[in-house]
Protein backbone atom coordinates (compact mmCIF):
# COMPACT_ATOMS: atom_id res chain seq x y z
CA MET A 1 102.70 -64.87 -48.42
CA LYS A 2 99.65 -62.87 -46.65
CA LYS A 3 98.68 -61.55 -49.63
CA ILE A 4 98.84 -64.90 -52.08
CA PHE A 5 96.37 -66.81 -49.67
CA VAL A 6 94.34 -64.02 -50.00
CA ILE A 7 94.11 -63.65 -53.67
CA ALA A 8 94.09 -67.50 -53.98
CA VAL A 9 90.49 -67.53 -51.33
CA VAL A 10 88.99 -64.71 -53.75
CA ALA A 11 90.53 -66.33 -57.12
CA GLY A 12 88.48 -69.65 -55.65
CA MET A 13 85.23 -68.00 -54.20
CA ILE A 14 84.92 -66.14 -58.00
CA LEU A 15 85.15 -69.72 -59.57
CA ALA A 16 82.76 -71.39 -57.23
CA ALA A 17 80.43 -68.53 -57.65
CA ASN A 18 80.37 -69.15 -61.63
CA THR A 19 80.17 -72.86 -61.03
CA VAL A 20 77.13 -72.40 -58.86
CA PHE A 21 75.36 -69.80 -60.44
CA ALA A 22 76.46 -69.94 -64.27
CA GLN A 23 73.63 -71.27 -66.24
CA GLY A 24 72.32 -71.69 -69.74
CA THR A 25 69.50 -69.82 -71.14
CA VAL A 26 66.43 -71.91 -71.78
CA ASP A 27 66.37 -73.50 -74.97
CA GLN A 28 62.70 -75.15 -74.41
CA ILE A 29 60.12 -76.37 -71.52
CA ILE A 30 59.95 -80.55 -71.33
CA ILE A 31 56.75 -81.39 -69.29
CA TYR A 32 56.31 -84.69 -67.85
CA LYS A 33 53.91 -87.04 -66.26
CA VAL A 34 54.84 -87.82 -62.61
CA ALA A 35 53.44 -90.27 -59.64
CA ASP A 36 54.64 -88.10 -57.27
CA PRO A 37 54.62 -84.05 -56.69
CA ASN A 38 57.70 -84.13 -54.89
CA THR A 39 59.70 -85.97 -57.51
CA LEU A 40 62.96 -83.93 -58.54
CA SER A 41 63.43 -82.81 -61.85
CA ALA A 42 66.55 -83.96 -61.92
CA THR A 43 65.55 -87.62 -62.14
CA LEU A 44 63.39 -86.88 -65.03
CA THR A 45 64.91 -87.43 -68.84
CA GLY A 46 63.80 -87.91 -71.92
CA THR A 47 61.65 -86.20 -74.49
CA GLY A 48 58.42 -86.05 -71.72
CA MET A 49 54.93 -86.23 -72.60
CA ASN A 50 53.87 -86.63 -76.18
CA GLY A 51 49.98 -86.48 -75.03
CA PHE A 52 47.08 -87.66 -72.63
CA LYS A 53 44.08 -89.70 -72.50
CA LEU A 54 41.99 -88.96 -69.30
CA THR A 55 38.37 -89.87 -68.20
CA VAL A 56 36.24 -87.26 -66.78
CA GLY A 57 37.06 -86.87 -63.03
CA GLU A 58 40.57 -88.36 -63.50
CA GLU A 59 43.90 -86.52 -62.82
CA ILE A 60 47.34 -86.77 -63.22
CA TYR A 61 50.50 -84.68 -61.73
CA VAL A 62 53.31 -83.11 -64.53
CA MET A 63 56.24 -81.36 -64.26
CA ALA A 64 57.75 -78.79 -66.20
CA LYS A 65 61.49 -79.09 -66.68
CA GLY A 66 63.45 -75.88 -68.41
CA VAL A 67 66.69 -77.17 -70.20
CA ASP A 68 69.23 -75.40 -72.30
CA VAL A 69 70.36 -76.36 -75.80
CA ASP A 70 72.78 -79.25 -74.30
CA GLY A 71 70.09 -80.69 -72.73
CA LYS A 72 71.04 -79.54 -69.02
CA GLU A 73 68.65 -77.97 -66.38
CA VAL A 74 67.56 -74.43 -66.36
CA ALA A 75 65.87 -73.37 -63.24
CA ILE A 76 62.36 -72.17 -64.21
CA TRP A 77 59.33 -70.71 -62.39
CA PRO A 78 56.40 -71.04 -64.96
CA THR A 79 53.00 -70.13 -65.25
CA TRP A 80 50.26 -72.98 -66.01
CA LYS A 81 47.70 -72.60 -68.40
CA ALA A 82 44.63 -75.43 -69.67
CA GLU A 83 41.93 -75.14 -71.51
CA LYS A 84 38.50 -75.13 -70.00
CA GLU A 85 37.34 -78.96 -70.11
CA LEU A 86 40.63 -79.26 -67.87
CA SER A 87 40.92 -78.18 -64.18
CA LEU A 88 44.65 -76.92 -63.48
CA SER A 89 45.94 -76.38 -59.94
CA VAL A 90 49.60 -75.80 -59.33
CA VAL A 91 51.13 -77.56 -56.44
CA GLU A 92 51.51 -75.09 -53.32
CA GLY A 93 55.48 -74.56 -53.00
CA LYS A 94 56.12 -76.42 -55.96
CA SER A 95 55.32 -74.05 -59.39
CA LYS A 96 56.62 -76.48 -61.72
CA VAL A 97 54.36 -79.13 -60.46
CA ALA A 98 50.59 -78.56 -61.73
CA LYS A 99 47.60 -81.35 -61.22
CA ILE A 100 45.36 -81.40 -64.41
CA LYS A 101 41.89 -82.81 -63.82
CA ALA A 102 39.35 -83.71 -66.67
CA LEU A 103 36.47 -81.86 -66.57
CA GLN A 104 34.64 -82.65 -69.61
CA LYS A 105 34.71 -84.45 -72.80
CA GLY A 106 36.87 -82.98 -75.23
CA ALA A 107 39.75 -83.14 -78.16
CA PRO A 108 41.85 -82.12 -78.80
CA LEU A 109 42.62 -80.12 -75.58
CA PHE A 110 45.66 -78.39 -74.50
CA PHE A 111 47.62 -77.80 -71.03
CA SER A 112 51.22 -75.74 -71.15
CA ALA A 113 53.68 -74.37 -68.72
CA VAL A 114 54.89 -71.08 -70.00
CA TYR A 115 58.05 -69.30 -68.68
CA ILE A 116 59.22 -65.29 -69.88
CA ASP A 117 63.17 -65.09 -68.88
CA ASP A 118 65.04 -62.37 -68.24
CA ALA A 119 65.64 -61.13 -71.47
CA GLY A 120 61.61 -61.28 -72.04
CA LYS A 121 62.03 -64.18 -74.36
CA LYS A 122 58.48 -66.67 -73.73
CA HIS A 123 59.23 -70.16 -73.73
CA LYS A 124 56.12 -72.65 -73.82
CA GLY A 125 56.06 -76.51 -73.15
CA GLU A 126 52.59 -77.97 -74.49
CA VAL A 127 50.99 -81.39 -74.42
CA MET A 128 47.66 -82.25 -76.24
CA GLY A 129 45.55 -84.57 -75.44
CA GLU A 130 41.74 -86.18 -74.98
CA VAL A 131 39.27 -86.62 -72.48
CA LYS A 132 36.89 -88.94 -72.76
CA GLU A 133 33.25 -90.13 -70.97
CA PRO A 134 34.05 -92.92 -68.35
CA ALA A 135 32.53 -96.32 -69.70
CA LYS A 136 29.46 -97.62 -68.78
């Protein structure tokens, strides 16, 4: 009886570990505009940002979300990049969230989230937009 209990416990632990740690591989990175940097990525759905329009001095928060081929979230820790007309700062403690600030006029401009998985494959989510001068 004791052996059956031990076997059942071990089997349960293996099943739980596979459920908790099993995760698909990144298929794409989707970037979302968020109002609050503390927004949970699980609440973000859809196609993400398809572009941006800012005026000089304006800023937005964005979040990168990795998804597998089935659209299920995959944990990522991206590196952010932006063109010189944009200021980019990662929100401390939340590498998936960045603040993008428009510094000077330009179009087209890009910012991106880049993640390299354990197999060495590079994944990139990118958004194109423009920055205009403020109205006078």
